[in-house]
Amino acid sequence: MSVARRPLLTATAAGTLLGALWFVPSANATVERPPAQAQETRSSGSAQQDLALADTGGVDTTPYLVGGAAFLGVGTGLVAFAVRRGAHTAW
């Protein structure tokens, strides 16, 4: 690989990372409905439930887990490739 192409690859990787981070959901601490209504809808006639930490209301986290695992796999592959390639280059 040419030395002149390395800054271009670095800029592309940084842009890709920033683009991916754009879609990470933010953790806003806002209430969507008053607590009295939230309590009534959650209990729905059953015994009072204690809310757990980070209770998201049943949001499906499967895409985040699959995406995270995919990025972890790609990152591991890139590191392994760099180590393998670095072992064969002479200084």
N, C-alpha and C. Protein backbone atom coordinates (compact mmCIF):
# COMPACT_ATOMS: atom_id res chain seq x y z
N MET A 1 0.84 -1.17 0.00
CA MET A 1 0.00 0.00 0.00
C MET A 1 0.88 1.23 0.00
N SER A 2 0.50 2.16 -0.80
CA SER A 2 1.25 3.40 -0.91
C SER A 2 1.08 4.24 0.36
N VAL A 3 2.15 4.94 0.70
CA VAL A 3 2.10 5.81 1.87
C VAL A 3 1.12 6.96 1.63
N ALA A 4 0.95 7.37 0.40
CA ALA A 4 0.05 8.48 0.09
C ALA A 4 -1.42 8.10 0.30
N ARG A 5 -1.74 6.82 0.25
CA ARG A 5 -3.12 6.38 0.44
C ARG A 5 -3.52 6.24 1.89
N ARG A 6 -2.58 6.19 2.79
CA ARG A 6 -2.90 5.98 4.21
C ARG A 6 -3.75 7.10 4.80
N PRO A 7 -3.45 8.39 4.55
CA PRO A 7 -4.33 9.42 5.10
C PRO A 7 -5.77 9.32 4.56
N LEU A 8 -5.91 8.91 3.32
CA LEU A 8 -7.24 8.75 2.75
C LEU A 8 -8.00 7.63 3.46
N LEU A 9 -7.32 6.53 3.73
CA LEU A 9 -7.96 5.43 4.45
C LEU A 9 -8.30 5.82 5.88
N THR A 10 -7.43 6.58 6.52
CA THR A 10 -7.70 7.05 7.88
C THR A 10 -8.91 7.97 7.90
N ALA A 11 -8.98 8.89 6.95
CA ALA A 11 -10.12 9.79 6.87
C ALA A 11 -11.41 9.03 6.57
N THR A 12 -11.34 8.03 5.73
CA THR A 12 -12.52 7.23 5.42
C THR A 12 -12.99 6.46 6.66
N ALA A 13 -12.06 5.88 7.38
CA ALA A 13 -12.42 5.15 8.59
C ALA A 13 -13.03 6.08 9.63
N ALA A 14 -12.45 7.27 9.79
CA ALA A 14 -12.98 8.23 10.76
C ALA A 14 -14.37 8.70 10.35
N GLY A 15 -14.58 8.95 9.08
CA GLY A 15 -15.89 9.37 8.60
C GLY A 15 -16.94 8.28 8.78
N THR A 16 -16.54 7.04 8.55
CA THR A 16 -17.46 5.92 8.74
C THR A 16 -17.84 5.78 10.21
N LEU A 17 -16.87 5.93 11.09
CA LEU A 17 -17.14 5.84 12.52
C LEU A 17 -18.08 6.95 12.97
N LEU A 18 -17.83 8.17 12.52
CA LEU A 18 -18.70 9.29 12.89
C LEU A 18 -20.10 9.10 12.32
N GLY A 19 -20.18 8.57 11.11
CA GLY A 19 -21.49 8.30 10.52
C GLY A 19 -22.26 7.25 11.30
N ALA A 20 -21.57 6.22 11.77
CA ALA A 20 -22.22 5.18 12.56
C ALA A 20 -22.66 5.72 13.91
N LEU A 21 -21.84 6.58 14.52
CA LEU A 21 -22.20 7.14 15.81
C LEU A 21 -23.39 8.09 15.72
N TRP A 22 -23.66 8.61 14.55
CA TRP A 22 -24.80 9.51 14.36
C TRP A 22 -26.11 8.79 14.71
N PHE A 23 -26.16 7.47 14.49
CA PHE A 23 -27.38 6.71 14.69
C PHE A 23 -27.49 6.09 16.08
N VAL A 24 -26.54 6.35 16.96
CA VAL A 24 -26.64 5.83 18.32
C VAL A 24 -27.71 6.63 19.06
N PRO A 25 -28.67 5.96 19.68
CA PRO A 25 -29.74 6.70 20.36
C PRO A 25 -29.20 7.48 21.55
N SER A 26 -29.77 8.65 21.77
CA SER A 26 -29.34 9.46 22.90
C SER A 26 -30.12 9.06 24.15
N ALA A 27 -29.56 9.34 25.30
CA ALA A 27 -30.19 9.00 26.57
C ALA A 27 -30.78 10.26 27.19
N ASN A 28 -31.86 10.75 26.61
CA ASN A 28 -32.52 11.93 27.15
C ASN A 28 -33.33 11.55 28.37
N ALA A 29 -33.25 12.38 29.40
CA ALA A 29 -33.98 12.11 30.63
C ALA A 29 -35.28 12.90 30.64
N THR A 30 -36.16 12.62 29.69
CA THR A 30 -37.45 13.30 29.62
C THR A 30 -38.56 12.29 29.89
N VAL A 31 -39.65 12.80 30.42
CA VAL A 31 -40.80 11.96 30.72
C VAL A 31 -41.81 12.13 29.59
N GLU A 32 -42.24 11.03 29.00
CA GLU A 32 -43.17 11.10 27.90
C GLU A 32 -44.61 11.26 28.38
N ARG A 33 -44.94 10.77 29.55
CA ARG A 33 -46.27 10.93 30.12
C ARG A 33 -46.13 11.11 31.63
N PRO A 34 -47.11 11.69 32.28
CA PRO A 34 -47.01 11.89 33.73
C PRO A 34 -46.83 10.58 34.48
N PRO A 35 -46.13 10.60 35.62
CA PRO A 35 -45.87 9.35 36.35
C PRO A 35 -47.15 8.63 36.79
N ALA A 36 -48.24 9.34 37.09
CA ALA A 36 -49.47 8.69 37.51
C ALA A 36 -50.02 7.81 36.39
N GLN A 37 -50.01 8.32 35.16
CA GLN A 37 -50.50 7.53 34.04
C GLN A 37 -49.56 6.36 33.73
N ALA A 38 -48.29 6.57 33.87
CA ALA A 38 -47.33 5.50 33.62
C ALA A 38 -47.54 4.36 34.61
N GLN A 39 -47.81 4.71 35.87
CA GLN A 39 -48.03 3.70 36.90
C GLN A 39 -49.27 2.88 36.59
N GLU A 40 -50.35 3.54 36.16
CA GLU A 40 -51.59 2.84 35.88
C GLU A 40 -51.45 1.90 34.69
N THR A 41 -50.76 2.36 33.65
CA THR A 41 -50.64 1.52 32.46
C THR A 41 -49.70 0.35 32.69
N ARG A 42 -48.71 0.51 33.53
CA ARG A 42 -47.78 -0.58 33.77
C ARG A 42 -48.39 -1.65 34.68
N SER A 43 -49.14 -1.23 35.68
CA SER A 43 -49.69 -2.21 36.62
C SER A 43 -50.83 -3.00 36.00
N SER A 44 -51.67 -2.33 35.21
CA SER A 44 -52.78 -2.94 34.48
C SER A 44 -53.59 -3.91 35.34
N GLY A 45 -53.93 -3.49 36.58
CA GLY A 45 -54.79 -4.29 37.44
C GLY A 45 -54.06 -5.31 38.27
N SER A 46 -52.79 -5.52 38.02
CA SER A 46 -52.04 -6.49 38.82
C SER A 46 -51.35 -5.79 39.99
N ALA A 47 -50.59 -6.53 40.73
CA ALA A 47 -49.88 -5.96 41.88
C ALA A 47 -48.87 -4.91 41.43
N GLN A 48 -48.58 -3.99 42.35
CA GLN A 48 -47.65 -2.90 42.06
C GLN A 48 -46.27 -3.47 41.70
N GLN A 49 -45.71 -3.01 40.57
CA GLN A 49 -44.38 -3.46 40.14
C GLN A 49 -43.37 -2.38 40.47
N ASP A 50 -42.19 -2.80 40.91
CA ASP A 50 -41.09 -1.86 41.08
C ASP A 50 -40.38 -1.72 39.75
N LEU A 51 -40.12 -0.50 39.35
CA LEU A 51 -39.43 -0.28 38.09
C LEU A 51 -37.95 -0.59 38.26
N ALA A 52 -37.41 -1.28 37.31
CA ALA A 52 -35.99 -1.63 37.34
C ALA A 52 -35.17 -0.50 36.73
N LEU A 53 -33.91 -0.50 37.02
CA LEU A 53 -33.00 0.48 36.45
C LEU A 53 -32.97 0.31 34.94
N ALA A 54 -33.07 1.40 34.21
CA ALA A 54 -33.04 1.43 32.75
C ALA A 54 -34.21 0.65 32.15
N ASP A 55 -35.37 0.77 32.76
CA ASP A 55 -36.56 0.13 32.21
C ASP A 55 -36.99 0.90 30.97
N THR A 56 -36.84 0.29 29.81
CA THR A 56 -37.08 0.98 28.55
C THR A 56 -38.47 0.76 28.00
N GLY A 57 -39.28 0.00 28.68
CA GLY A 57 -40.64 -0.21 28.20
C GLY A 57 -40.74 -1.25 27.11
N GLY A 58 -39.86 -2.20 27.07
CA GLY A 58 -39.96 -3.28 26.12
C GLY A 58 -39.38 -2.99 24.75
N VAL A 59 -38.38 -2.15 24.67
CA VAL A 59 -37.74 -1.86 23.39
C VAL A 59 -36.91 -3.06 22.97
N ASP A 60 -37.03 -3.44 21.71
CA ASP A 60 -36.29 -4.58 21.19
C ASP A 60 -34.84 -4.18 20.95
N THR A 61 -33.92 -4.79 21.67
CA THR A 61 -32.50 -4.45 21.57
C THR A 61 -31.74 -5.40 20.65
N THR A 62 -32.43 -6.30 19.98
CA THR A 62 -31.76 -7.28 19.12
C THR A 62 -30.91 -6.63 18.03
N PRO A 63 -31.41 -5.59 17.31
CA PRO A 63 -30.57 -5.00 16.28
C PRO A 63 -29.27 -4.40 16.83
N TYR A 64 -29.33 -3.84 18.04
CA TYR A 64 -28.13 -3.27 18.63
C TYR A 64 -27.13 -4.36 19.00
N LEU A 65 -27.63 -5.49 19.49
CA LEU A 65 -26.73 -6.59 19.83
C LEU A 65 -26.10 -7.20 18.59
N VAL A 66 -26.90 -7.38 17.54
CA VAL A 66 -26.37 -7.95 16.30
C VAL A 66 -25.36 -6.99 15.66
N GLY A 67 -25.69 -5.70 15.63
CA GLY A 67 -24.78 -4.70 15.07
C GLY A 67 -23.49 -4.60 15.85
N GLY A 68 -23.60 -4.62 17.18
CA GLY A 68 -22.39 -4.58 18.02
C GLY A 68 -21.50 -5.79 17.82
N ALA A 69 -22.13 -6.96 17.72
CA ALA A 69 -21.36 -8.18 17.49
C ALA A 69 -20.69 -8.14 16.11
N ALA A 70 -21.40 -7.58 15.12
CA ALA A 70 -20.82 -7.48 13.78
C ALA A 70 -19.62 -6.54 13.77
N PHE A 71 -19.76 -5.38 14.41
CA PHE A 71 -18.64 -4.44 14.47
C PHE A 71 -17.47 -5.03 15.26
N LEU A 72 -17.76 -5.76 16.31
CA LEU A 72 -16.69 -6.41 17.07
C LEU A 72 -15.96 -7.43 16.21
N GLY A 73 -16.71 -8.20 15.43
CA GLY A 73 -16.09 -9.18 14.55
C GLY A 73 -15.24 -8.54 13.47
N VAL A 74 -15.75 -7.46 12.87
CA VAL A 74 -14.99 -6.76 11.83
C VAL A 74 -13.73 -6.15 12.43
N GLY A 75 -13.85 -5.55 13.61
CA GLY A 75 -12.68 -4.97 14.27
C GLY A 75 -11.63 -6.00 14.61
N THR A 76 -12.08 -7.15 15.08
CA THR A 76 -11.15 -8.24 15.39
C THR A 76 -10.45 -8.73 14.13
N GLY A 77 -11.21 -8.83 13.05
CA GLY A 77 -10.61 -9.25 11.78
C GLY A 77 -9.58 -8.26 11.27
N LEU A 78 -9.88 -6.96 11.40
CA LEU A 78 -8.93 -5.94 10.96
C LEU A 78 -7.65 -5.95 11.80
N VAL A 79 -7.80 -6.14 13.10
CA VAL A 79 -6.60 -6.20 13.96
C VAL A 79 -5.77 -7.44 13.62
N ALA A 80 -6.43 -8.56 13.43
CA ALA A 80 -5.70 -9.79 13.07
C ALA A 80 -4.99 -9.63 11.74
N PHE A 81 -5.66 -9.00 10.78
CA PHE A 81 -5.04 -8.77 9.47
C PHE A 81 -3.83 -7.85 9.60
N ALA A 82 -3.95 -6.79 10.41
CA ALA A 82 -2.84 -5.86 10.59
C ALA A 82 -1.65 -6.53 11.27
N VAL A 83 -1.92 -7.36 12.26
CA VAL A 83 -0.83 -8.06 12.95
C VAL A 83 -0.17 -9.04 12.01
N ARG A 84 -0.97 -9.78 11.24
CA ARG A 84 -0.42 -10.74 10.30
C ARG A 84 0.41 -10.06 9.24
N ARG A 85 -0.10 -8.94 8.73
CA ARG A 85 0.63 -8.22 7.69
C ARG A 85 1.89 -7.57 8.25
N GLY A 86 1.84 -7.09 9.47
CA GLY A 86 3.00 -6.45 10.11
C GLY A 86 4.12 -7.44 10.38
N ALA A 87 3.78 -8.71 10.56
CA ALA A 87 4.80 -9.72 10.82
C ALA A 87 5.63 -10.01 9.57
N HIS A 88 5.08 -9.73 8.38
CA HIS A 88 5.78 -10.06 7.14
C HIS A 88 6.51 -8.86 6.52
N THR A 89 6.33 -7.68 7.08
CA THR A 89 7.03 -6.52 6.52
C THR A 89 8.35 -6.29 7.23
N ALA A 90 9.31 -5.91 6.47
CA ALA A 90 10.62 -5.63 7.05
C ALA A 90 10.75 -4.13 7.33
N TRP A 91 11.37 -3.80 8.41
CA TRP A 91 11.56 -2.39 8.76
C TRP A 91 12.76 -1.91 8.08
